[in-house]
Amino acid sequence: PHHSKHDANNPKGSYGVMPLDYTYKVFEFTDKVFPKSAVLSINDYDMGFGYVNQVAHLRLRGCRVDMAGLQMHLFNPKQCADIAKGAKIQHPERLLQLMDDFDKLGVPLHLSEITITAPNDDESGREIQANITRNLYRMWFSWPKMEAITWWNLVDGCGLAGEPTTSGVCTRQLEKKPAYHALDKLINYEWKTTIVEKAEENRFKNQFRGFKGRYRVSWTDVNDNARTAEIDVR
C-alpha cells in the first residue's frame, strides 16, 4: 500500500519534503515495474473529501489505482466507553456515507488499519470491545465493494509507543478475548454457507443462495465414487 498526504484544494498531494505530485509519480513508476497482476492500493488515514478527490484525480490522469485503503482507529479507550453509552462516534450513518462517497471512485475498498480498544482490561471493557467489533464488522461486510479488513494490533501491548495496550483480540499471553470469539462466530458461522442437498432422481442440478466466496462441493456420483470440486461464487 502507498500512503499519501492531501488536502481538498491540492489533489496532487504533498508530504513534508516530498515534491508535489509524488503520488502520481509513484503510481506511474510502480505500474511500469510491477506485473499487471499486482494490486496497486492507495492508503490514507484522512477519510475526507480531499482523499476522494485525490484518488479521482489520479485515475483521471491514467493511474492504475486498484484499491482505496481506509483507516479507522478508535485509539482512545474513552471513545469506546462513550460509544457503549450511545455517543455518535463512528456511527453507522457517517460510516455508510463515507463508504458511499468512496464507491463513486469505482474501486474496491480495503479497511487497511483497524483499531478497536477495550475501555478497560476487565470483563466489562472486553465485552464493550467485542460488541463494537461485531457491529462494525457486520456493517463493513454488508458493503458490496468491501474487499478486505485488516486489524492493526492483534495482540494486546504490541502496538507502537503511545498506542493503547488493550486493542488486541488476544491478550499478551495469547488468550482469546471476547472480540476474538465475536469475529470467529461471524466469519466461521454466520458468514459461512453450509448446506446438505439431496438431488432428486434424474435431476443433476441443485440451487442455493449463499455468500460470495470459494465453496467446496462434495457428492457421490452414479458409480458411488466420492467426488469434490471447488467453485468461486463472485
Protein backbone atom coordinates (compact mmCIF):
# COMPACT_ATOMS: atom_id res chain seq x y z
CA PRO A 1 0.00 0.00 0.00
CA HIS A 2 1.05 3.55 -0.65
CA HIS A 3 0.42 6.25 1.93
CA SER A 4 -0.39 9.75 0.70
CA LYS A 5 -0.98 13.21 2.11
CA HIS A 6 -3.53 15.50 0.59
CA ASP A 7 -5.84 18.45 1.05
CA ALA A 8 -9.11 19.32 -0.63
CA ASN A 9 -7.52 22.11 -2.69
CA ASN A 10 -4.48 20.17 -3.81
CA PRO A 11 -5.37 16.83 -5.39
CA LYS A 12 -1.75 16.26 -6.39
CA GLY A 13 -0.70 15.85 -2.74
CA SER A 14 2.41 16.69 -0.75
CA TYR A 15 4.19 15.25 2.25
CA GLY A 16 6.99 17.05 4.09
CA VAL A 17 9.97 17.38 1.78
CA MET A 18 8.37 15.15 -0.85
CA PRO A 19 7.59 17.09 -4.05
CA LEU A 20 4.10 17.89 -5.25
CA ASP A 21 2.69 15.19 -7.49
CA TYR A 22 4.88 12.49 -5.93
CA THR A 23 1.83 10.22 -5.53
CA TYR A 24 1.19 10.27 -9.27
CA LYS A 25 4.87 9.59 -9.98
CA VAL A 26 4.89 6.64 -7.59
CA PHE A 27 1.87 5.02 -9.25
CA GLU A 28 3.25 5.75 -12.72
CA PHE A 29 6.59 4.11 -11.87
CA THR A 30 5.05 1.18 -9.99
CA ASP A 31 2.71 0.32 -12.86
CA LYS A 32 5.73 0.01 -15.15
CA VAL A 33 7.88 -2.25 -12.98
CA PHE A 34 5.25 -4.50 -11.32
CA PRO A 35 3.23 -7.13 -13.19
CA LYS A 36 -0.36 -6.28 -14.04
CA SER A 37 -1.47 -8.97 -11.57
CA ALA A 38 -0.14 -6.83 -8.68
CA VAL A 39 -2.85 -4.86 -6.86
CA LEU A 40 -1.92 -1.19 -6.53
CA SER A 41 -3.50 0.36 -3.46
CA ILE A 42 -3.54 3.89 -2.12
CA ASN A 43 -3.98 4.27 1.62
CA ASP A 44 -4.68 7.18 3.96
CA TYR A 45 -5.91 7.98 7.46
CA ASP A 46 -7.81 11.15 6.47
CA MET A 47 -11.07 9.88 5.00
CA GLY A 48 -12.50 13.23 3.95
CA PHE A 49 -13.41 14.70 0.58
CA GLY A 50 -9.80 15.65 -0.13
CA TYR A 51 -8.79 11.99 -0.26
CA VAL A 52 -11.72 11.08 -2.52
CA ASN A 53 -10.79 14.00 -4.77
CA GLN A 54 -7.15 12.91 -4.89
CA VAL A 55 -7.96 9.33 -5.90
CA ALA A 56 -10.42 10.52 -8.56
CA HIS A 57 -7.77 12.92 -9.87
CA LEU A 58 -5.13 10.16 -10.09
CA ARG A 59 -7.49 7.89 -12.02
CA LEU A 60 -8.43 10.69 -14.43
CA ARG A 61 -4.72 11.08 -15.18
CA GLY A 62 -4.45 7.38 -16.04
CA CYS A 63 -3.08 5.94 -12.79
CA ARG A 64 -3.98 2.31 -12.13
CA VAL A 65 -5.38 2.64 -8.60
CA ASP A 66 -6.88 -0.81 -7.99
CA MET A 67 -7.97 -0.31 -4.39
CA ALA A 68 -8.55 2.52 -1.90
CA GLY A 69 -7.35 1.88 1.64
CA LEU A 70 -9.13 3.47 4.60
CA GLN A 71 -8.05 3.60 8.23
CA MET A 72 -10.23 3.70 11.35
CA HIS A 73 -8.52 3.85 14.71
CA LEU A 74 -10.55 4.03 17.91
CA PHE A 75 -7.36 4.58 19.92
CA ASN A 76 -8.96 6.41 22.82
CA PRO A 77 -10.43 4.00 25.39
CA LYS A 78 -12.90 6.70 26.45
CA GLN A 79 -14.26 6.86 22.90
CA CYS A 80 -15.23 3.20 23.06
CA ALA A 81 -16.79 3.66 26.50
CA ASP A 82 -18.79 6.59 25.12
CA ILE A 83 -19.92 4.52 22.12
CA ALA A 84 -21.26 1.91 24.55
CA LYS A 85 -23.30 4.70 26.17
CA GLY A 86 -24.76 5.77 22.81
CA ALA A 87 -22.39 8.53 21.71
CA LYS A 88 -22.33 9.12 17.94
CA ILE A 89 -18.67 8.33 17.33
CA GLN A 90 -18.09 6.46 14.06
CA HIS A 91 -21.85 5.98 13.98
CA PRO A 92 -23.41 3.92 11.17
CA GLU A 93 -24.88 6.86 9.24
CA ARG A 94 -21.48 8.57 8.99
CA LEU A 95 -19.64 5.38 8.04
CA LEU A 96 -22.22 4.41 5.41
CA GLN A 97 -21.98 7.88 3.88
CA LEU A 98 -18.20 7.61 3.86
CA MET A 99 -18.26 4.27 2.06
CA ASP A 100 -20.83 5.63 -0.39
CA ASP A 101 -18.50 8.56 -1.18
CA PHE A 102 -15.66 6.15 -1.94
CA ASP A 103 -17.92 3.91 -4.01
CA LYS A 104 -18.17 6.76 -6.51
CA LEU A 105 -14.48 6.23 -7.30
CA GLY A 106 -15.32 2.85 -8.78
CA VAL A 107 -12.57 0.98 -6.88
CA PRO A 108 -12.76 -1.76 -4.23
CA LEU A 109 -12.30 -0.68 -0.62
CA HIS A 110 -9.84 -2.02 1.95
CA LEU A 111 -10.05 -1.14 5.64
CA SER A 112 -6.30 -1.25 5.88
CA GLU A 113 -5.86 -0.39 9.57
CA ILE A 114 -8.50 -1.02 12.23
CA THR A 115 -8.17 -0.38 15.96
CA ILE A 116 -10.99 -1.04 18.43
CA THR A 117 -9.88 -0.51 22.00
CA ALA A 118 -11.31 -2.09 25.14
CA PRO A 119 -12.12 0.78 27.55
CA ASN A 120 -10.75 -1.27 30.47
CA ASP A 121 -8.88 -4.54 30.70
CA ASP A 122 -11.69 -6.20 32.63
CA GLU A 123 -14.75 -8.26 31.72
CA SER A 124 -16.94 -5.22 31.06
CA GLY A 125 -14.33 -3.45 28.94
CA ARG A 126 -13.64 -6.54 26.86
CA GLU A 127 -17.35 -7.07 26.22
CA ILE A 128 -17.70 -3.46 25.02
CA GLN A 129 -14.80 -4.03 22.61
CA ALA A 130 -16.46 -7.23 21.34
CA ASN A 131 -19.84 -5.54 20.80
CA ILE A 132 -18.33 -2.63 18.85
CA THR A 133 -16.26 -5.10 16.81
CA ARG A 134 -19.30 -7.22 15.97
CA ASN A 135 -21.44 -4.25 14.93
CA LEU A 136 -18.78 -2.58 12.78
CA TYR A 137 -17.69 -5.79 11.04
CA ARG A 138 -21.30 -6.67 10.18
CA MET A 139 -21.74 -3.27 8.56
CA TRP A 140 -18.46 -3.45 6.66
CA PHE A 141 -19.18 -7.00 5.48
CA SER A 142 -22.53 -5.84 4.09
CA TRP A 143 -20.88 -3.29 1.78
CA PRO A 144 -20.58 -4.69 -1.80
CA LYS A 145 -17.21 -3.09 -2.63
CA MET A 146 -15.51 -4.01 0.67
CA GLU A 147 -12.63 -6.34 -0.22
CA ALA A 148 -10.64 -6.73 3.00
CA ILE A 149 -10.34 -5.64 6.64
CA THR A 150 -7.02 -5.63 8.49
CA TRP A 151 -6.86 -5.42 12.30
CA TRP A 152 -3.95 -3.22 13.31
CA ASN A 153 -2.74 -4.85 16.56
CA LEU A 154 -3.87 -8.45 17.04
CA VAL A 155 -2.20 -8.89 20.44
CA ASP A 156 -2.51 -6.54 23.43
CA GLY A 157 0.53 -4.38 24.14
CA CYS A 158 2.19 -4.92 20.75
CA GLY A 159 1.47 -1.57 19.10
CA LEU A 160 3.69 1.43 18.64
CA ALA A 161 4.61 3.64 21.58
CA GLY A 162 1.57 5.65 22.60
CA GLU A 163 -0.96 3.23 21.11
CA PRO A 164 -3.45 1.59 23.51
CA THR A 165 -2.38 -1.64 25.17
CA THR A 166 -5.88 -3.16 25.17
CA SER A 167 -6.67 -3.06 21.45
CA GLY A 168 -5.87 -6.66 20.55
CA VAL A 169 -8.21 -9.60 20.04
CA CYS A 170 -5.83 -11.66 22.20
CA THR A 171 -4.13 -10.86 25.49
CA ARG A 172 -0.35 -10.52 25.76
CA GLN A 173 -0.37 -14.19 26.79
CA LEU A 174 -2.30 -15.05 23.57
CA GLU A 175 -5.53 -15.80 25.41
CA LYS A 176 -8.56 -15.26 23.17
CA LYS A 177 -10.66 -12.25 24.17
CA PRO A 178 -14.43 -11.79 23.53
CA ALA A 179 -13.58 -9.74 20.40
CA TYR A 180 -11.78 -12.80 19.00
CA HIS A 181 -14.79 -15.01 19.62
CA ALA A 182 -17.11 -12.39 18.10
CA LEU A 183 -15.08 -12.41 14.87
CA ASP A 184 -14.81 -16.19 14.90
CA LYS A 185 -18.59 -16.51 15.15
CA LEU A 186 -19.16 -14.06 12.29
CA ILE A 187 -16.50 -15.43 9.91
CA ASN A 188 -16.80 -19.15 10.56
CA TYR A 189 -20.51 -19.48 11.34
CA GLU A 190 -22.78 -16.57 10.37
CA TRP A 191 -20.92 -15.78 7.13
CA LYS A 192 -20.26 -19.37 6.10
CA THR A 193 -22.80 -21.23 3.99
CA THR A 194 -23.10 -24.92 4.94
CA ILE A 195 -25.90 -26.90 3.36
CA VAL A 196 -26.69 -30.52 2.52
CA GLU A 197 -28.86 -31.12 -0.54
CA LYS A 198 -30.12 -34.36 -2.00
CA ALA A 199 -30.65 -34.40 -5.75
CA GLU A 200 -33.94 -35.78 -6.87
CA GLU A 201 -33.99 -38.69 -9.27
CA ASN A 202 -32.97 -37.68 -12.82
CA ARG A 203 -32.12 -34.15 -11.57
CA PHE A 204 -28.44 -33.24 -11.53
CA LYS A 205 -28.63 -29.56 -10.67
CA ASN A 206 -29.13 -28.06 -7.25
CA GLN A 207 -29.50 -24.39 -6.43
CA PHE A 208 -28.61 -22.48 -3.28
CA ARG A 209 -28.34 -18.90 -2.07
CA GLY A 210 -25.13 -18.11 -0.21
CA PHE A 211 -22.35 -15.63 0.36
CA LYS A 212 -19.75 -14.78 -2.24
CA GLY A 213 -16.56 -16.77 -1.86
CA ARG A 214 -14.98 -20.16 -2.51
CA TYR A 215 -17.04 -23.27 -1.93
CA ARG A 216 -16.02 -26.91 -1.72
CA VAL A 217 -18.73 -29.20 -3.05
CA SER A 218 -18.73 -32.92 -2.23
CA TRP A 219 -21.01 -35.55 -3.72
CA THR A 220 -21.27 -39.21 -4.69
CA ASP A 221 -21.62 -39.91 -8.38
CA VAL A 222 -23.81 -42.56 -10.02
CA ASN A 223 -21.00 -45.11 -9.61
CA ASP A 224 -20.76 -44.47 -5.85
CA ASN A 225 -17.44 -42.65 -6.21
CA ALA A 226 -16.76 -39.73 -3.83
CA ARG A 227 -16.20 -36.52 -5.78
CA THR A 228 -15.23 -32.96 -4.77
CA ALA A 229 -14.91 -29.66 -6.62
CA GLU A 230 -14.20 -26.06 -5.70
CA ILE A 231 -16.38 -23.24 -7.05
CA ASP A 232 -15.84 -19.49 -6.81
CA VAL A 233 -19.07 -17.53 -6.33
CA ARG A 234 -18.48 -13.90 -7.32
